[in-house]
Amino acid sequence: GINAEYMGNHYHDKIVMSNYDMVVQILDCLIEMAQGPCLDNVGKMLDNKVLDIINSLLRKKAKRRKMDKKEASKTLFRSITTTTEYTHYWSQELERWMLARIKYRCLILLLALIEMRRNDPLIRRIMRTIPIEVFRKLMAKTFKHYKTLYGETYNIKAFSHSEEDVRDKDFAHKSIYYEMIIEVGFYSYYIITIYQEASETKQAKVTKDDEEEEDTAVTFIKDSVVGQLGNFGLSLVKTGFSTVSALKKEIESSIFKKENLVETEEERTLRKQLELKELIAESTAFFEQNTASVEVLRDGKHIEKTQFYLLPYCRHLPQDVKNEFSDEVNRESLKSKVTGLLNKAEDFIEIARQEEIMNKFFERNKLLALFAKNVSLWKNISFFLVLTQRQDCLTHRILHKMY
């Protein structure tokens, strides 16, 4: 409570270079005090307006400083040589990477405050203080930087940014790299889903249950030979369509540049709004696809849903391996199932890593991938062809004996 009050009175509205380290230490301390969770500490933080502090920090924007070639050629902190330069530098506003790390800690703190209190009035209080749009914009911005650095591929290297020491490296040429913390996108997505769950009506829940029943029938159809053939054809069409779409965008962009069209202020505003809306939808799909959840029993009484991000190789564990484990695992008790999973965990991780390597190869050879990823389809087709051939042989023998 004291840390939150001290930070609220001294720092959150006027954070500059000189007090950045102190703010980071205070946030780390608040996180340690809140996690567990410690409800007494959480209560004291809320009494000292910690939500207002988090809201202010999450909304804070950093100004991009333009550096000349001389400044850009030097490392971030070693370029300071005189007392005047020192005073001027430390009174400046935060660099973008600094603000990104502060927001990263704010999101961890917010999730710690929510822990074990998803059905609590606290969620409504947070929703009133920090609008959902704040998290949507954070998520979209993180995803935009991610695409700039890694493209469409889900890359495990994106998870190391927040741990790197920027002060000893050449910052000028990697500003977006150090600013992009993919965990900020994931944690923003988690909070968005918590907001949506808190606003969910009973009718929405009933609709969701009906959809799950329909999904069972859809899954059965997909697993059939007809479904597999349809999926193969659809994948082939999508591959061609994505190539054509990318080419179309490139042509439109080049035409726009050649004609040197000038946008009005109203058109520019509308375009940015549409781009943001599209980016939010795209980033939501990305983080949803790479997020999993598990229900945890707290104190033997409360069941809590906990979300976590899936590392890239987790998406590549073959379905056959999952089915084999599901068929062979000891189901005598919950403990035996968990023990069986832990015993197989290292093998599963190794298989998933190898599958990821193969998947990267197929991404560079998309046509080959269409055939390699439909192995079960080719097995089924081969099986039916063998049956047809044997039936023809049998028919021929019967006719030969008859005549």
Protein backbone atom coordinates (compact mmCIF):
# COMPACT_ATOMS: atom_id res chain seq x y z
CA GLY A 1 0.00 0.00 0.00
CA ILE A 2 2.85 2.35 0.85
CA ASN A 3 4.59 1.67 -2.47
CA ALA A 4 1.40 2.34 -4.44
CA GLU A 5 0.73 5.57 -2.53
CA TYR A 6 4.35 6.74 -2.93
CA MET A 7 4.31 6.03 -6.65
CA GLY A 8 0.95 7.72 -7.08
CA ASN A 9 2.13 10.86 -5.33
CA HIS A 10 5.56 11.15 -6.96
CA TYR A 11 5.98 9.28 -10.22
CA HIS A 12 3.15 8.06 -12.41
CA ASP A 13 2.38 11.47 -13.99
CA LYS A 14 5.99 12.59 -14.42
CA ILE A 15 8.16 9.61 -15.22
CA VAL A 16 11.44 10.63 -16.89
CA MET A 17 14.79 8.95 -17.50
CA SER A 18 16.06 9.70 -14.01
CA ASN A 19 13.28 7.86 -12.13
CA TYR A 20 12.68 5.00 -14.58
CA ASP A 21 14.61 2.45 -12.51
CA MET A 22 12.76 3.46 -9.34
CA VAL A 23 9.37 3.04 -11.04
CA VAL A 24 10.37 -0.43 -12.31
CA GLN A 25 11.48 -1.46 -8.80
CA ILE A 26 8.21 -0.22 -7.25
CA LEU A 27 6.14 -2.13 -9.82
CA ASP A 28 8.19 -5.29 -9.22
CA CYS A 29 7.60 -4.90 -5.48
CA LEU A 30 3.84 -4.41 -5.95
CA ILE A 31 3.69 -7.52 -8.16
CA GLU A 32 5.48 -9.60 -5.50
CA MET A 33 3.09 -8.31 -2.83
CA ALA A 34 -0.04 -9.01 -4.89
CA GLN A 35 0.75 -12.42 -6.38
CA GLY A 36 -0.32 -15.54 -4.56
CA PRO A 37 -2.74 -13.86 -4.22
CA CYS A 38 -2.39 -11.90 -0.96
CA LEU A 39 -5.87 -10.43 -0.59
CA ASP A 40 -4.87 -8.08 2.26
CA ASN A 41 -2.12 -6.50 0.17
CA VAL A 42 -4.45 -6.30 -2.83
CA GLY A 43 -7.03 -4.50 -0.71
CA LYS A 44 -4.47 -1.94 0.48
CA MET A 45 -3.28 -1.32 -3.07
CA LEU A 46 -6.83 -0.72 -4.25
CA ASP A 47 -7.40 1.72 -1.40
CA ASN A 48 -4.35 3.66 -2.58
CA LYS A 49 -5.72 4.05 -6.12
CA VAL A 50 -3.41 1.55 -7.79
CA LEU A 51 -5.95 1.14 -10.62
CA ASP A 52 -5.70 4.85 -11.45
CA ILE A 53 -1.92 4.54 -11.55
CA ILE A 54 -2.07 1.51 -13.88
CA ASN A 55 -4.61 3.27 -16.10
CA SER A 56 -2.36 6.32 -16.37
CA LEU A 57 0.73 4.27 -17.19
CA LEU A 58 -1.02 2.09 -19.79
CA ARG A 59 -2.32 5.21 -21.57
CA LYS A 60 1.02 7.02 -21.47
CA LYS A 61 2.65 7.65 -24.85
CA ALA A 62 6.33 8.12 -25.58
CA LYS A 63 7.57 10.68 -28.06
CA ARG A 64 9.85 9.28 -30.73
CA ARG A 65 13.13 11.16 -30.63
CA LYS A 66 14.87 11.82 -33.94
CA MET A 67 18.58 10.98 -33.69
CA ASP A 68 21.20 12.28 -36.04
CA LYS A 69 23.85 9.99 -37.51
CA LYS A 70 26.41 10.94 -34.87
CA GLU A 71 24.06 10.09 -32.01
CA ALA A 72 22.78 6.92 -33.71
CA SER A 73 26.28 5.57 -34.10
CA LYS A 74 26.82 5.58 -30.34
CA THR A 75 25.34 3.25 -27.78
CA LEU A 76 22.34 4.48 -25.82
CA PHE A 77 23.98 5.25 -22.49
CA ARG A 78 27.67 5.63 -23.33
CA SER A 79 27.06 8.71 -25.50
CA ILE A 80 26.82 10.97 -22.42
CA THR A 81 30.14 12.74 -21.81
CA THR A 82 29.58 16.10 -20.07
CA THR A 83 27.57 17.18 -17.01
CA THR A 84 25.29 19.29 -19.20
CA GLU A 85 24.53 16.32 -21.46
CA TYR A 86 23.95 14.15 -18.39
CA THR A 87 21.41 16.57 -16.87
CA HIS A 88 19.64 17.06 -20.18
CA TYR A 89 19.43 13.33 -20.92
CA TRP A 90 18.02 12.25 -17.56
CA SER A 91 15.34 14.97 -17.60
CA GLN A 92 13.99 13.74 -20.94
CA GLU A 93 10.88 11.62 -21.38
CA LEU A 94 11.16 7.83 -21.46
CA GLU A 95 12.37 5.95 -24.49
CA ARG A 96 9.74 3.72 -26.09
CA TRP A 97 11.39 0.50 -24.90
CA MET A 98 11.34 1.82 -21.31
CA LEU A 99 7.63 2.61 -21.48
CA ALA A 100 6.95 -0.82 -23.02
CA ARG A 101 8.61 -2.52 -20.04
CA ILE A 102 6.63 -0.42 -17.58
CA LYS A 103 3.36 -1.36 -19.33
CA TYR A 104 4.47 -5.01 -19.30
CA ARG A 105 4.77 -4.86 -15.51
CA CYS A 106 1.46 -3.00 -15.17
CA LEU A 107 -0.33 -5.84 -16.97
CA ILE A 108 1.31 -8.46 -14.73
CA LEU A 109 0.22 -6.44 -11.69
CA LEU A 110 -3.33 -6.13 -13.00
CA LEU A 111 -3.58 -9.89 -13.58
CA ALA A 112 -2.25 -10.44 -10.04
CA LEU A 113 -4.99 -8.18 -8.67
CA ILE A 114 -7.64 -10.14 -10.59
CA GLU A 115 -6.31 -13.54 -9.51
CA MET A 116 -9.01 -15.61 -7.72
CA ARG A 117 -11.48 -12.72 -8.11
CA ARG A 118 -12.95 -13.20 -11.60
CA ASN A 119 -16.51 -13.24 -10.27
CA ASP A 120 -15.81 -10.43 -7.84
CA PRO A 121 -17.16 -6.83 -8.07
CA LEU A 122 -13.48 -5.88 -8.52
CA ILE A 123 -13.76 -6.78 -12.23
CA ARG A 124 -16.56 -4.24 -12.68
CA ARG A 125 -14.46 -1.68 -10.85
CA ILE A 126 -11.50 -2.30 -13.14
CA MET A 127 -13.76 -2.11 -16.21
CA ARG A 128 -15.01 1.31 -15.10
CA THR A 129 -11.47 2.57 -14.49
CA ILE A 130 -9.66 1.10 -17.51
CA PRO A 131 -11.77 0.77 -20.70
CA ILE A 132 -11.38 -2.33 -22.84
CA GLU A 133 -10.15 -0.16 -25.74
CA VAL A 134 -6.90 0.49 -23.85
CA PHE A 135 -6.06 -3.22 -23.97
CA ARG A 136 -7.24 -3.64 -27.56
CA LYS A 137 -4.91 -0.89 -28.74
CA LEU A 138 -2.02 -2.33 -26.73
CA MET A 139 -2.64 -5.77 -28.21
CA ALA A 140 -2.92 -4.39 -31.76
CA LYS A 141 0.25 -2.29 -31.44
CA THR A 142 2.23 -5.25 -30.12
CA PHE A 143 1.02 -7.44 -32.97
CA LYS A 144 1.87 -4.75 -35.54
CA HIS A 145 5.47 -4.61 -34.27
CA TYR A 146 5.57 -8.40 -34.17
CA LYS A 147 4.58 -8.64 -37.85
CA THR A 148 7.24 -6.06 -38.74
CA LEU A 149 9.92 -8.16 -37.05
CA TYR A 150 8.79 -11.74 -37.72
CA GLY A 151 6.09 -11.61 -40.39
CA GLU A 152 3.20 -14.08 -40.27
CA THR A 153 5.23 -16.89 -38.65
CA TYR A 154 4.84 -17.54 -34.91
CA ASN A 155 8.47 -17.29 -33.76
CA ILE A 156 9.83 -18.34 -30.35
CA LYS A 157 12.53 -15.64 -30.55
CA ALA A 158 9.84 -13.03 -29.86
CA PHE A 159 9.70 -14.13 -26.21
CA SER A 160 13.21 -12.98 -25.28
CA HIS A 161 12.86 -9.22 -25.79
CA SER A 162 11.83 -8.23 -22.27
CA GLU A 163 14.84 -10.01 -20.74
CA GLU A 164 17.54 -8.33 -22.84
CA ASP A 165 19.64 -5.53 -21.37
CA VAL A 166 19.18 -2.66 -23.82
CA ARG A 167 21.70 -0.37 -22.14
CA ASP A 168 24.71 -2.29 -23.39
CA LYS A 169 23.53 -2.57 -26.99
CA ASP A 170 23.15 -0.44 -30.07
CA PHE A 171 19.62 0.87 -29.61
CA ALA A 172 19.35 3.15 -32.62
CA HIS A 173 18.93 0.39 -35.21
CA LYS A 174 16.65 -1.86 -33.13
CA SER A 175 14.10 0.47 -31.55
CA ILE A 176 11.06 -1.61 -32.58
CA TYR A 177 12.83 -4.82 -31.54
CA TYR A 178 13.28 -3.66 -27.94
CA GLU A 179 9.88 -1.97 -27.86
CA MET A 180 8.03 -5.13 -28.92
CA ILE A 181 7.24 -7.37 -25.93
CA ILE A 182 4.93 -10.12 -27.13
CA GLU A 183 3.80 -10.90 -23.57
CA VAL A 184 2.14 -7.45 -23.54
CA GLY A 185 -0.08 -8.65 -26.39
CA PHE A 186 -0.91 -11.93 -24.66
CA TYR A 187 -1.66 -10.34 -21.27
CA SER A 188 -3.81 -7.67 -22.95
CA TYR A 189 -5.75 -10.45 -24.68
CA TYR A 190 -6.23 -12.29 -21.35
CA ILE A 191 -7.70 -9.16 -19.74
CA ILE A 192 -9.97 -8.58 -22.76
CA THR A 193 -11.36 -12.12 -22.38
CA ILE A 194 -11.90 -11.54 -18.65
CA TYR A 195 -13.83 -8.36 -19.47
CA GLN A 196 -15.92 -10.26 -22.01
CA GLU A 197 -16.65 -13.10 -19.56
CA ALA A 198 -17.79 -10.56 -16.97
CA SER A 199 -20.18 -9.03 -19.53
CA GLU A 200 -21.44 -12.36 -20.87
CA THR A 201 -25.19 -13.01 -20.54
CA LYS A 202 -26.91 -16.33 -19.86
CA GLN A 203 -28.33 -16.34 -23.39
CA ALA A 204 -24.81 -16.13 -24.82
CA LYS A 205 -23.80 -19.15 -22.73
CA VAL A 206 -26.77 -21.18 -24.01
CA THR A 207 -25.87 -20.29 -27.60
CA LYS A 208 -22.29 -21.38 -27.01
CA ASP A 209 -23.47 -24.77 -25.68
CA ASP A 210 -25.61 -25.29 -28.81
CA GLU A 211 -22.62 -24.48 -31.01
CA GLU A 212 -20.48 -27.06 -29.19
CA GLU A 213 -23.07 -29.77 -29.92
CA GLU A 214 -23.02 -28.83 -33.60
CA ASP A 215 -19.21 -28.91 -33.61
CA THR A 216 -19.27 -32.62 -32.72
CA ALA A 217 -21.09 -33.45 -35.97
CA VAL A 218 -18.79 -31.14 -37.96
CA THR A 219 -15.72 -32.87 -36.49
CA PHE A 220 -17.08 -36.28 -37.55
CA ILE A 221 -17.60 -35.06 -41.12
CA LYS A 222 -14.11 -33.54 -41.25
CA ASP A 223 -12.54 -36.84 -40.21
CA SER A 224 -14.26 -38.72 -43.04
CA VAL A 225 -12.66 -39.24 -46.45
CA VAL A 226 -15.10 -36.80 -48.07
CA GLY A 227 -14.25 -34.18 -45.48
CA GLN A 228 -10.53 -34.72 -45.96
CA LEU A 229 -10.86 -34.37 -49.73
CA GLY A 230 -12.84 -31.19 -49.26
CA ASN A 231 -10.24 -29.84 -46.84
CA PHE A 232 -7.43 -30.65 -49.30
CA GLY A 233 -9.23 -28.82 -52.11
CA LEU A 234 -9.94 -25.84 -49.87
CA SER A 235 -6.28 -25.66 -48.80
CA LEU A 236 -5.22 -25.70 -52.45
CA VAL A 237 -7.59 -22.83 -53.24
CA LYS A 238 -6.45 -20.85 -50.18
CA THR A 239 -2.80 -21.19 -51.17
CA GLY A 240 -3.50 -19.77 -54.60
CA PHE A 241 -5.83 -17.09 -53.23
CA SER A 242 -3.30 -15.85 -50.63
CA THR A 243 -0.65 -15.54 -53.35
CA VAL A 244 -3.02 -13.58 -55.60
CA SER A 245 -4.14 -11.34 -52.71
CA ALA A 246 -0.55 -10.49 -51.77
CA LEU A 247 0.22 -9.67 -55.42
CA LYS A 248 -2.90 -7.51 -55.66
CA LYS A 249 -1.96 -5.49 -52.56
CA GLU A 250 1.55 -4.94 -53.87
CA ILE A 251 0.22 -3.71 -57.24
CA GLU A 252 -2.32 -1.37 -55.57
CA SER A 253 0.38 0.03 -53.30
CA SER A 254 2.74 0.71 -56.22
CA ILE A 255 -0.06 2.37 -58.25
CA PHE A 256 -0.96 4.60 -55.30
CA LYS A 257 2.67 5.70 -54.93
CA LYS A 258 3.08 6.38 -58.65
CA GLU A 259 -0.06 8.49 -58.86
CA ASN A 260 1.05 10.34 -55.72
CA LEU A 261 -2.52 10.64 -54.46
CA VAL A 262 -3.06 13.11 -51.61
CA GLU A 263 -5.41 12.15 -48.79
CA THR A 264 -7.61 14.67 -47.03
CA GLU A 265 -7.52 14.84 -43.24
CA GLU A 266 -10.94 13.17 -43.05
CA GLU A 267 -9.87 10.35 -45.38
CA ARG A 268 -6.67 9.82 -43.39
CA THR A 269 -8.61 9.61 -40.11
CA LEU A 270 -11.11 7.16 -41.59
CA ARG A 271 -8.31 5.02 -43.09
CA LYS A 272 -6.50 4.85 -39.74
CA GLN A 273 -9.70 3.85 -37.96
CA LEU A 274 -10.33 1.06 -40.46
CA GLU A 275 -6.71 -0.10 -40.24
CA LEU A 276 -6.92 -0.18 -36.44
CA LYS A 277 -10.17 -2.15 -36.54
CA GLU A 278 -8.66 -4.66 -38.97
CA LEU A 279 -5.47 -4.91 -36.89
CA ILE A 280 -7.45 -5.54 -33.69
CA ALA A 281 -9.38 -8.35 -35.39
CA GLU A 282 -6.19 -9.86 -36.78
CA SER A 283 -4.30 -9.61 -33.47
CA THR A 284 -7.23 -11.09 -31.55
CA ALA A 285 -7.23 -14.12 -33.86
CA PHE A 286 -3.46 -14.50 -33.48
CA PHE A 287 -3.38 -14.38 -29.67
CA GLU A 288 -6.52 -16.53 -29.37
CA GLN A 289 -4.99 -19.21 -31.58
CA ASN A 290 -1.83 -19.31 -29.46
CA THR A 291 -3.53 -19.25 -26.04
CA ALA A 292 -4.67 -22.21 -23.94
CA SER A 293 -6.38 -22.43 -20.56
CA VAL A 294 -6.63 -24.79 -17.63
CA GLU A 295 -8.97 -24.92 -14.65
CA VAL A 296 -7.17 -24.84 -11.30
CA LEU A 297 -8.74 -25.94 -8.01
CA ARG A 298 -7.90 -23.31 -5.37
CA ASP A 299 -7.86 -24.32 -1.68
CA GLY A 300 -10.02 -27.33 -2.54
CA LYS A 301 -13.00 -25.00 -3.03
CA HIS A 302 -12.78 -22.59 -5.94
CA ILE A 303 -12.19 -23.51 -9.58
CA GLU A 304 -10.33 -20.79 -11.46
CA LYS A 305 -9.66 -20.59 -15.18
CA THR A 306 -6.02 -19.75 -15.89
CA GLN A 307 -4.80 -18.74 -19.35
CA PHE A 308 -1.29 -19.19 -20.69
CA TYR A 309 0.43 -18.79 -24.04
CA LEU A 310 1.48 -21.76 -26.13
CA LEU A 311 5.03 -21.74 -27.42
CA PRO A 312 5.26 -22.16 -31.22
CA TYR A 313 6.27 -25.83 -31.18
CA CYS A 314 3.24 -26.74 -29.04
CA ARG A 315 1.02 -26.26 -32.08
CA HIS A 316 2.80 -29.04 -33.97
CA LEU A 317 2.24 -32.08 -31.76
CA PRO A 318 0.63 -34.65 -34.14
CA GLN A 319 -2.94 -35.73 -33.46
CA ASP A 320 -1.88 -39.39 -33.66
CA VAL A 321 0.46 -38.87 -30.69
CA LYS A 322 -2.35 -37.22 -28.71
CA ASN A 323 -4.76 -40.05 -29.53
CA GLU A 324 -2.20 -42.70 -28.58
CA PHE A 325 -1.59 -41.06 -25.21
CA SER A 326 -5.32 -40.69 -24.60
CA ASP A 327 -5.86 -44.42 -25.31
CA GLU A 328 -2.93 -45.70 -23.25
CA VAL A 329 -2.82 -43.40 -20.21
CA ASN A 330 -3.73 -44.90 -16.82
CA ARG A 331 -7.16 -43.50 -15.90
CA GLU A 332 -7.48 -45.02 -12.42
CA SER A 333 -7.22 -41.59 -10.80
CA LEU A 334 -6.45 -37.95 -11.57
CA LYS A 335 -2.98 -38.41 -10.08
CA SER A 336 -2.19 -41.37 -12.37
CA LYS A 337 -3.23 -39.36 -15.45
CA VAL A 338 -1.07 -36.38 -14.45
CA THR A 339 1.87 -38.70 -13.68
CA GLY A 340 1.49 -40.36 -17.08
CA LEU A 341 1.50 -36.96 -18.78
CA LEU A 342 4.63 -35.85 -16.91
CA ASN A 343 6.43 -39.06 -17.85
CA LYS A 344 5.68 -38.44 -21.52
CA ALA A 345 6.23 -34.67 -21.47
CA GLU A 346 9.86 -34.65 -22.61
CA ASP A 347 9.09 -37.01 -25.48
CA PHE A 348 6.12 -34.89 -26.54
CA ILE A 349 8.23 -31.71 -26.51
CA GLU A 350 10.94 -33.34 -28.63
CA ILE A 351 8.37 -34.64 -31.14
CA ALA A 352 6.73 -31.20 -31.31
CA ARG A 353 10.09 -29.48 -31.88
CA GLN A 354 10.91 -31.85 -34.75
CA GLU A 355 7.48 -31.31 -36.27
CA GLU A 356 8.02 -27.55 -36.07
CA ILE A 357 11.28 -27.89 -38.03
CA MET A 358 9.43 -29.87 -40.70
CA ASN A 359 6.63 -27.30 -40.73
CA LYS A 360 9.11 -24.48 -41.41
CA PHE A 361 10.46 -26.49 -44.34
CA PHE A 362 6.94 -26.95 -45.72
CA GLU A 363 6.22 -23.23 -45.34
CA ARG A 364 8.95 -22.62 -47.89
CA ASN A 365 7.46 -25.36 -50.14
CA LYS A 366 3.71 -24.80 -49.90
CA LEU A 367 2.67 -27.15 -52.72
CA LEU A 368 4.63 -30.00 -51.17
CA ALA A 369 3.07 -29.16 -47.81
CA LEU A 370 -0.45 -29.68 -49.17
CA PHE A 371 0.40 -33.32 -49.89
CA ALA A 372 2.51 -33.93 -46.78
CA LYS A 373 -0.12 -32.56 -44.38
CA ASN A 374 -2.85 -34.85 -45.70
CA VAL A 375 -1.18 -38.20 -45.00
CA SER A 376 -4.36 -39.71 -43.54
CA LEU A 377 -6.22 -38.80 -46.73
CA TRP A 378 -3.68 -40.65 -48.90
CA LYS A 379 -3.82 -43.64 -46.53
CA ASN A 380 -7.60 -43.80 -46.85
CA ILE A 381 -7.49 -43.43 -50.62
CA SER A 382 -4.85 -46.18 -50.85
CA PHE A 383 -6.99 -48.41 -48.65
CA PHE A 384 -10.04 -47.93 -50.88
CA LEU A 385 -7.99 -48.52 -54.02
CA VAL A 386 -6.65 -51.79 -52.59
CA LEU A 387 -10.20 -52.86 -51.68
CA THR A 388 -11.40 -52.00 -55.19
CA GLN A 389 -8.53 -53.93 -56.77
CA ARG A 390 -9.16 -57.02 -54.64
CA GLN A 391 -12.86 -56.84 -55.38
CA ASP A 392 -12.07 -56.78 -59.12
CA CYS A 393 -9.77 -59.80 -58.73
CA LEU A 394 -12.41 -61.66 -56.75
CA THR A 395 -15.07 -60.84 -59.34
CA HIS A 396 -12.75 -61.99 -62.14
CA ARG A 397 -12.09 -65.35 -60.39
CA ILE A 398 -15.80 -65.97 -59.81
CA LEU A 399 -16.60 -65.22 -63.43
CA HIS A 400 -13.71 -67.46 -64.58
CA LYS A 401 -15.01 -70.39 -62.53
CA MET A 402 -18.54 -69.87 -63.75
CA TYR A 403 -17.59 -69.88 -67.41
